Protein backbone atom coordinates (compact mmCIF):
# COMPACT_ATOMS: atom_id res chain seq x y z
CA UNK A 1 -36.34 4.99 6.02
CA UNK A 2 -32.58 4.94 5.55
CA UNK A 3 -31.25 4.76 1.99
CA UNK A 4 -29.39 1.63 3.13
CA UNK A 5 -32.58 -0.30 3.93
CA UNK A 6 -34.88 -0.85 6.85
CA UNK A 7 -32.34 -2.96 8.73
CA UNK A 8 -29.81 -0.08 9.03
CA UNK A 9 -29.74 1.09 12.63
CA UNK A 10 -27.16 3.71 13.72
CA UNK A 11 -25.01 2.75 16.65
CA UNK A 12 -26.02 4.40 19.92
CA UNK A 13 -22.50 4.89 21.34
CA UNK A 14 -20.02 7.66 22.11
CA UNK A 15 -18.24 7.44 18.77
CA UNK A 16 -18.51 5.72 15.40
CA UNK A 17 -17.82 2.02 15.02
CA UNK A 18 -15.77 1.56 11.85
CA UNK A 19 -15.09 -1.83 10.26
CA UNK A 20 -12.19 -2.01 7.79
CA UNK A 21 -11.85 -4.81 5.26
CA UNK A 22 -8.44 -4.99 3.65
CA UNK A 23 -6.96 -8.35 4.48
CA UNK A 24 -4.71 -10.71 2.56
CA UNK A 25 -1.69 -8.80 1.29
CA UNK A 26 0.21 -5.87 2.77
CA UNK A 27 -1.04 -3.77 -0.15
CA UNK A 28 -4.57 -4.20 1.17
CA UNK A 29 -3.82 -4.30 4.91
CA UNK A 30 -1.55 -1.25 5.23
CA UNK A 31 -4.01 1.30 3.76
CA UNK A 32 -6.75 -0.12 5.99
CA UNK A 33 -4.57 0.25 9.09
CA UNK A 34 -3.45 3.74 8.04
CA UNK A 35 -7.11 4.74 7.83
CA UNK A 36 -7.73 3.13 11.23
CA UNK A 37 -4.92 5.20 12.74
CA UNK A 38 -6.33 8.39 11.17
CA UNK A 39 -9.83 7.64 12.45
CA UNK A 40 -8.47 7.22 15.97
CA UNK A 41 -6.39 10.41 15.74
CA UNK A 42 -9.37 12.46 14.58
CA UNK A 43 -11.98 10.70 16.72
CA UNK A 44 -10.40 9.13 19.82
CA UNK A 45 -13.86 7.95 20.86
CA UNK A 46 -14.21 5.82 17.72
CA UNK A 47 -13.76 2.05 17.63
CA UNK A 48 -12.14 0.28 14.70
CA UNK A 49 -12.42 -3.43 13.93
CA UNK A 50 -10.57 -5.21 11.13
CA UNK A 51 -11.89 -8.10 9.08
CA UNK A 52 -9.38 -10.69 7.90
CA UNK A 53 -8.65 -14.35 7.34
CA UNK A 54 -6.10 -16.83 8.58
CA UNK A 55 -4.49 -16.73 5.14
CA UNK A 56 -2.08 -13.98 4.21
CA UNK A 57 -0.57 -11.48 6.61
CA UNK A 58 -3.70 -10.55 8.56
CA UNK A 59 -2.97 -12.42 11.79
CA UNK A 60 0.55 -10.96 11.95
CA UNK A 61 0.12 -7.35 10.88
CA UNK A 62 -3.27 -6.36 12.26
CA UNK A 63 -2.93 -7.40 15.95
CA UNK A 64 0.59 -5.94 15.98
CA UNK A 65 -0.95 -2.53 15.27
CA UNK A 66 -3.33 -2.90 18.20
CA UNK A 67 -6.62 -3.46 16.37
CA UNK A 68 -9.07 -6.30 17.04
CA UNK A 69 -9.18 -8.82 14.20
CA UNK A 70 -12.36 -10.70 13.34
CA UNK A 71 -11.71 -13.70 11.11
CA UNK A 72 -13.96 -14.64 8.21
CA UNK A 73 -13.66 -17.59 5.79
CA UNK A 74 -11.44 -16.78 2.80
CA UNK A 75 -13.25 -16.39 -0.51
CA UNK A 76 -11.15 -16.89 -3.66
CA UNK A 77 -12.09 -14.35 -6.31
CA UNK A 78 -12.50 -15.15 -10.00
CA UNK A 79 -10.91 -12.75 -12.47
CA UNK A 80 -14.33 -11.65 -13.75
CA UNK A 81 -17.91 -11.68 -12.44
CA UNK A 82 -19.49 -15.08 -13.07
CA UNK A 83 -22.88 -16.68 -12.68
CA UNK A 84 -21.54 -18.63 -9.70
CA UNK A 85 -20.49 -15.42 -7.98
CA UNK A 86 -23.91 -13.89 -8.53
CA UNK A 87 -25.57 -17.01 -7.11
CA UNK A 88 -23.44 -16.73 -3.97
CA UNK A 89 -21.91 -20.20 -3.73
CA UNK A 90 -21.35 -21.82 -0.39
CA UNK A 91 -18.05 -20.20 0.50
CA UNK A 92 -19.38 -16.73 -0.22
CA UNK A 93 -22.60 -17.37 1.70
CA UNK A 94 -20.66 -18.56 4.74
CA UNK A 95 -18.32 -15.58 4.65
CA UNK A 96 -21.21 -13.13 4.24
CA UNK A 97 -23.03 -14.68 7.20
CA UNK A 98 -19.90 -14.35 9.31
CA UNK A 99 -19.50 -10.70 8.27
CA UNK A 100 -23.05 -9.99 9.39
CA UNK A 101 -22.33 -11.59 12.77
CA UNK A 102 -19.35 -9.28 13.20
CA UNK A 103 -21.28 -6.17 12.14
CA UNK A 104 -23.93 -6.95 14.75
CA UNK A 105 -21.36 -7.76 17.43
CA UNK A 106 -19.43 -4.48 17.05
CA UNK A 107 -22.55 -2.40 16.30
CA UNK A 108 -20.92 -1.25 13.07
CA UNK A 109 -21.76 2.15 11.64
CA UNK A 110 -19.79 1.82 8.39
CA UNK A 111 -17.68 -0.65 6.44
CA UNK A 112 -14.62 0.62 4.58
CA UNK A 113 -13.22 -1.82 2.04
CA UNK A 114 -9.87 -1.83 0.26
CA UNK A 115 -10.37 -4.64 -2.23
CA UNK A 116 -9.21 -8.26 -2.21
CA UNK A 117 -10.86 -11.45 -1.03
CA UNK A 118 -11.84 -10.04 2.38
CA UNK A 119 -13.59 -7.00 0.91
CA UNK A 120 -16.11 -8.81 -1.29
CA UNK A 121 -17.94 -10.66 1.53
CA UNK A 122 -17.66 -7.49 3.61
CA UNK A 123 -19.48 -5.49 0.95
CA UNK A 124 -22.13 -8.16 0.45
CA UNK A 125 -22.61 -8.58 4.19
CA UNK A 126 -22.92 -4.85 4.79
CA UNK A 127 -25.27 -4.15 1.89
CA UNK A 128 -28.64 -3.00 3.20
CA UNK A 129 -27.33 -2.87 6.78
CA UNK A 130 -24.61 -0.23 7.06
CA UNK A 131 -23.15 2.23 4.56
CA UNK A 132 -20.09 1.21 2.57
CA UNK A 133 -17.03 3.21 1.52
CA UNK A 134 -14.81 1.70 -1.19
CA UNK A 135 -11.13 2.60 -1.63
CA UNK A 136 -9.22 1.47 -4.73
CA UNK A 137 -5.43 1.67 -4.46
CA UNK A 138 -4.50 0.42 -7.91
CA UNK A 139 -4.70 2.15 -11.25
CA UNK A 140 -7.14 -0.55 -12.37
CA UNK A 141 -9.87 -1.64 -10.02
CA UNK A 142 -10.22 -5.27 -9.01
CA UNK A 143 -13.38 -7.37 -8.98
CA UNK A 144 -14.27 -6.87 -5.31
CA UNK A 145 -14.23 -3.09 -5.56
CA UNK A 146 -16.11 -3.13 -8.86
CA UNK A 147 -18.88 -5.03 -7.09
CA UNK A 148 -18.78 -2.91 -3.93
CA UNK A 149 -18.81 0.37 -5.84
CA UNK A 150 -22.23 -0.49 -7.29
CA UNK A 151 -23.94 0.07 -3.94
CA UNK A 152 -21.39 2.11 -1.96
CA UNK A 153 -22.19 5.41 -0.28
CA UNK A 154 -18.79 6.77 -1.38
CA UNK A 155 -16.07 5.58 -3.75
CA UNK A 156 -12.46 6.77 -3.46
CA UNK A 157 -9.45 5.99 -5.67
CA UNK A 158 -5.71 6.54 -5.39
CA UNK A 159 -5.27 7.75 -8.97
CA UNK A 160 -7.54 8.83 -11.83
CA UNK A 161 -8.82 6.30 -14.31
CA UNK A 162 -9.33 3.36 -11.94
CA UNK A 163 -12.49 2.30 -13.75
CA UNK A 164 -14.77 3.04 -10.79
CA UNK A 165 -17.40 5.62 -11.76
CA UNK A 166 -17.54 8.90 -9.81
CA UNK A 167 -14.52 7.97 -7.70
CA UNK A 168 -12.98 10.79 -5.66
CA UNK A 169 -9.19 10.80 -6.11
CA UNK A 170 -7.45 11.08 -2.72
CA UNK A 171 -4.33 8.89 -2.93
CA UNK A 172 -3.49 5.93 -0.69
CA UNK A 173 -3.65 6.14 3.12
CA UNK A 174 -0.11 5.70 4.45
CA UNK A 175 1.39 5.20 7.89
CA UNK A 176 1.90 8.43 9.80
CA UNK A 177 5.53 7.39 10.38
CA UNK A 178 6.01 7.56 6.60
CA UNK A 179 4.11 10.74 5.79
CA UNK A 180 5.77 12.67 8.64
CA UNK A 181 9.24 11.18 8.11
CA UNK A 182 12.14 13.56 8.77
CA UNK A 183 14.67 11.91 6.47
CA UNK A 184 17.42 14.43 7.12
CA UNK A 185 16.99 14.25 10.88
CA UNK A 186 17.05 10.45 10.93
CA UNK A 187 19.76 9.96 8.32
CA UNK A 188 22.71 9.36 10.70
CA UNK A 189 20.73 7.04 12.96
CA UNK A 190 19.31 5.13 9.99
CA UNK A 191 22.72 4.55 8.43
CA UNK A 192 24.12 3.30 11.73
CA UNK A 193 21.12 1.00 12.09
CA UNK A 194 21.90 -0.71 8.77
CA UNK A 195 25.70 -0.54 8.92
CA UNK A 196 25.93 1.83 5.96
CA UNK A 197 28.59 4.49 5.32
CA UNK A 198 27.78 7.74 7.15
CA UNK A 199 28.54 9.83 4.08
CA UNK A 200 28.00 9.45 0.35
CA UNK A 201 24.88 8.38 -1.54
CA UNK A 202 22.89 5.24 -0.72
CA UNK A 203 20.66 3.21 -3.02
CA UNK A 204 17.75 1.32 -1.46
CA UNK A 205 16.66 -1.79 -3.38
CA UNK A 206 13.57 -3.84 -2.61
CA UNK A 207 11.23 -5.96 -4.70
CA UNK A 208 8.38 -6.72 -2.34
CA UNK A 209 7.17 -10.14 -1.29
CA UNK A 210 7.08 -11.28 -4.94
CA UNK A 211 8.99 -10.45 -8.05
CA UNK A 212 12.38 -9.56 -6.55
CA UNK A 213 14.40 -11.96 -8.71
CA UNK A 214 15.04 -9.56 -11.60
CA UNK A 215 16.07 -6.78 -9.24
CA UNK A 216 18.36 -9.10 -7.29
CA UNK A 217 20.15 -10.26 -10.44
CA UNK A 218 20.61 -6.73 -11.77
CA UNK A 219 21.95 -5.47 -8.44
CA UNK A 220 24.45 -8.33 -8.27
CA UNK A 221 25.74 -7.34 -11.71
CA UNK A 222 25.81 -3.63 -10.91
CA UNK A 223 27.28 -3.89 -7.42
CA UNK A 224 30.99 -3.56 -8.33
CA UNK A 225 30.23 -0.46 -10.40
CA UNK A 226 28.06 1.09 -7.69
CA UNK A 227 30.69 0.53 -4.99
CA UNK A 228 33.37 1.92 -7.31
CA UNK A 229 31.27 5.10 -7.60
CA UNK A 230 31.06 5.34 -3.82
CA UNK A 231 27.38 4.37 -3.70
CA UNK A 232 26.26 2.40 -0.67
CA UNK A 233 23.54 -0.21 -1.22
CA UNK A 234 20.83 -1.38 1.19
CA UNK A 235 19.31 -4.44 -0.48
CA UNK A 236 16.15 -6.25 0.70
CA UNK A 237 16.37 -9.40 -1.42
CA UNK A 238 13.35 -11.31 -0.09
CA UNK A 239 13.21 -14.40 2.15
CA UNK A 240 14.15 -16.77 -0.68
CA UNK A 241 16.12 -14.34 -2.84
CA UNK A 242 19.85 -14.47 -3.49
CA UNK A 243 22.29 -11.68 -2.82
CA UNK A 244 26.03 -11.06 -2.62
CA UNK A 245 27.76 -11.37 0.74
CA UNK A 246 27.78 -8.31 3.01
CA UNK A 247 30.80 -6.07 2.47
CA UNK A 248 31.72 -2.46 3.21
CA UNK A 249 29.09 -0.29 1.59
CA UNK A 250 26.70 -3.17 0.87
CA UNK A 251 24.10 -4.52 3.30
CA UNK A 252 21.82 -7.36 2.08
CA UNK A 253 18.79 -8.29 4.20
CA UNK A 254 15.96 -10.76 3.55
CA UNK A 255 13.40 -8.26 4.85
CA UNK A 256 13.48 -4.72 6.24
CA UNK A 257 11.32 -4.26 9.33
CA UNK A 258 11.94 -0.51 9.80
CA UNK A 259 11.13 0.76 6.32
CA UNK A 260 10.92 4.36 7.51
CA UNK A 261 14.57 4.12 8.57
CA UNK A 262 15.48 2.53 5.23
CA UNK A 263 13.88 5.51 3.48
CA UNK A 264 15.79 7.87 5.76
CA UNK A 265 19.09 6.17 4.94
CA UNK A 266 18.55 6.32 1.18
CA UNK A 267 18.99 8.90 -1.55
CA UNK A 268 17.29 6.93 -4.34
CA UNK A 269 15.35 3.70 -4.77
CA UNK A 270 15.27 0.77 -7.18
CA UNK A 271 11.95 -1.02 -6.73
CA UNK A 272 8.79 -2.52 -8.18
CA UNK A 273 5.75 -0.33 -8.82
CA UNK A 274 3.03 -1.69 -6.60
CA UNK A 275 0.53 0.92 -5.49
CA UNK A 276 1.78 1.05 -1.88
CA UNK A 277 5.42 1.13 -2.96
CA UNK A 278 4.87 4.05 -5.33
CA UNK A 279 2.81 5.92 -2.74
CA UNK A 280 5.37 5.52 0.05
CA UNK A 281 8.48 6.22 -2.02
CA UNK A 282 6.95 9.38 -3.48
CA UNK A 283 5.53 10.53 -0.13
CA UNK A 284 8.98 10.51 1.49
CA UNK A 285 10.48 12.37 -1.47
CA UNK A 286 12.78 9.73 -2.94
CA UNK A 287 13.46 9.51 -6.68
CA UNK A 288 13.10 5.98 -7.97
CA UNK A 289 13.74 3.62 -10.84
CA UNK A 290 10.45 1.74 -11.02
CA UNK A 291 10.48 -1.74 -12.57
CA UNK A 292 6.88 -2.95 -12.96
CA UNK A 293 6.11 -6.63 -12.61
CA UNK A 294 5.79 -8.04 -16.13
CA UNK A 295 2.55 -9.92 -15.47
CA UNK A 296 -0.95 -8.98 -14.39
CA UNK A 297 -2.98 -6.39 -16.28
CA UNK A 298 -0.26 -3.75 -16.46
CA UNK A 299 -1.44 -1.80 -13.44
CA UNK A 300 2.04 -1.46 -11.93
CA UNK A 301 3.27 0.69 -14.80
CA UNK A 302 0.11 2.78 -14.50
CA UNK A 303 0.69 3.18 -10.74
CA UNK A 304 4.06 4.84 -11.35
CA UNK A 305 3.11 6.97 -14.36
CA UNK A 306 1.95 10.06 -12.40
CA UNK A 307 5.24 10.20 -10.48
CA UNK A 308 7.30 9.65 -13.62
CA UNK A 309 5.37 12.35 -15.49
CA UNK A 310 6.06 14.74 -12.61
CA UNK A 311 9.81 14.07 -12.89
CA UNK A 312 10.12 11.98 -9.73
CA UNK A 313 11.44 8.79 -11.32
CA UNK A 314 11.78 6.63 -14.41
CA UNK A 315 10.14 3.43 -15.62
CA UNK A 316 12.29 0.52 -16.81
CA UNK A 317 10.61 -2.62 -18.22
CA UNK A 318 11.46 -5.81 -16.37
CA UNK A 319 13.00 -7.38 -19.48
CA UNK A 320 15.38 -4.43 -19.85
CA UNK A 321 16.70 -4.37 -16.29
CA UNK A 322 20.36 -5.45 -16.28
CA UNK A 323 23.34 -4.41 -14.25
CA UNK A 324 24.43 -2.08 -17.03
CA UNK A 325 20.99 -0.47 -17.13
CA UNK A 326 21.05 0.07 -13.35
CA UNK A 327 24.37 1.87 -13.66
CA UNK A 328 23.25 3.88 -16.69
CA UNK A 329 20.12 5.11 -14.94
CA UNK A 330 21.41 5.72 -11.43
CA UNK A 331 25.07 6.71 -11.56
CA UNK A 332 24.29 10.06 -13.27
CA UNK A 333 21.83 10.83 -10.47
CA UNK A 334 24.39 10.16 -7.77
CA UNK A 335 26.96 12.34 -9.53
CA UNK A 336 24.54 15.29 -9.40
CA UNK A 337 23.13 15.82 -5.88
CA UNK A 338 21.06 18.77 -7.09
CA UNK A 339 19.35 16.53 -9.64
CA UNK A 340 18.47 13.98 -6.97
CA UNK A 341 17.08 16.74 -4.75
CA UNK A 342 14.94 18.11 -7.58
CA UNK A 343 13.61 14.67 -8.50
CA UNK A 344 12.84 13.94 -4.84
CA UNK A 345 10.89 17.18 -4.54
CA UNK A 346 8.95 16.32 -7.70
CA UNK A 347 8.15 12.87 -6.34
CA UNK A 348 6.89 14.28 -3.06
CA UNK A 349 4.75 16.91 -4.79
CA UNK A 350 3.08 14.21 -6.90
CA UNK A 351 1.88 12.25 -3.85
CA UNK A 352 -1.02 12.53 -1.41
CA UNK A 353 0.54 12.53 2.06
CA UNK A 354 -2.77 13.48 3.70
CA UNK A 355 -4.82 10.69 2.11
CA UNK A 356 -5.36 8.92 5.44
CA UNK A 357 -7.12 11.86 7.09
CA UNK A 358 -8.96 12.86 3.93
CA UNK A 359 -10.38 9.34 3.63
CA UNK A 360 -11.32 9.45 7.32
CA UNK A 361 -13.26 12.67 6.63
CA UNK A 362 -15.08 10.93 3.76
CA UNK A 363 -16.07 8.18 6.20
CA UNK A 364 -17.28 10.70 8.78
CA UNK A 365 -19.17 12.52 6.06
CA UNK A 366 -21.02 9.34 5.09
CA UNK A 367 -22.00 8.92 8.72
CA UNK A 368 -22.99 12.55 9.11
CA UNK A 369 -20.92 12.91 12.28
């Protein structure tokens, strides 16, 4: 009998059928798709199916990457396990039933979850049917992964101390375009793409889909000083954020589609400290001023701590970020190119650029093939 129960039947096909559950936000979707890409690179005969909901970014991001998307009902997660959760209320029951339909339809061999409101019904639906692999991207694990880790075949985390017992630390799976980025080779093209000066340092600023307001205000205050120092600025201010008007050396955009080109154009970054942000910025070797979101359980500061300890950036509390602080932190970097190079090398060395393929190998190991 399989350790996963009598109902677990291995798929009789040419390659493994992998189901990824990481819907909702880009922070959950992107690692799932990076793993999917790695699985297909290593095992072209494999099939990958993504679970998601109509809420969030699932219907936009997942099909655009070429993977089939199976929709399940969204399940809002409480902050902590509750009696209602353990009794599987109606929404959870319906989502779990739908997950089981999908697992049967695609003859799933394994479910890989990345947390969030898609992962919990995926774990519950897979339990006793197919093995589960849990990946935690944040420094502090969320509820879904805490539940899934209790009966997972393998548990993986991005950084130590996530709160998941016996987690193997591998980093966060990232897009191959990021981990293989040739910043120097793409620099000229990237700067032309964004209308930035071909020479001199460039600061990339982005705050993610939420929490950009503080960064936007500080950049507006610091902009005259940055331009006076000859620093170009590429500023993703968010769809509802405010920014100064475009001018020579300053390019504001609501959203940056080609983030790999933005990284190639830049010499340093001013950003939040979400798990994906920290992983990407460090993987491409850019020093950064990280400004953690001031709410939540403090995980953003913890996400950036390994990079900061390695010398690849600094942490600035949200309440302390002003235009003067931006200039005080960054202008000395731009005046010393060797310092920026050393910090970038430290940032890159602190990352896990091969996390996508290492996680894929964990998945294959669980399957025994």
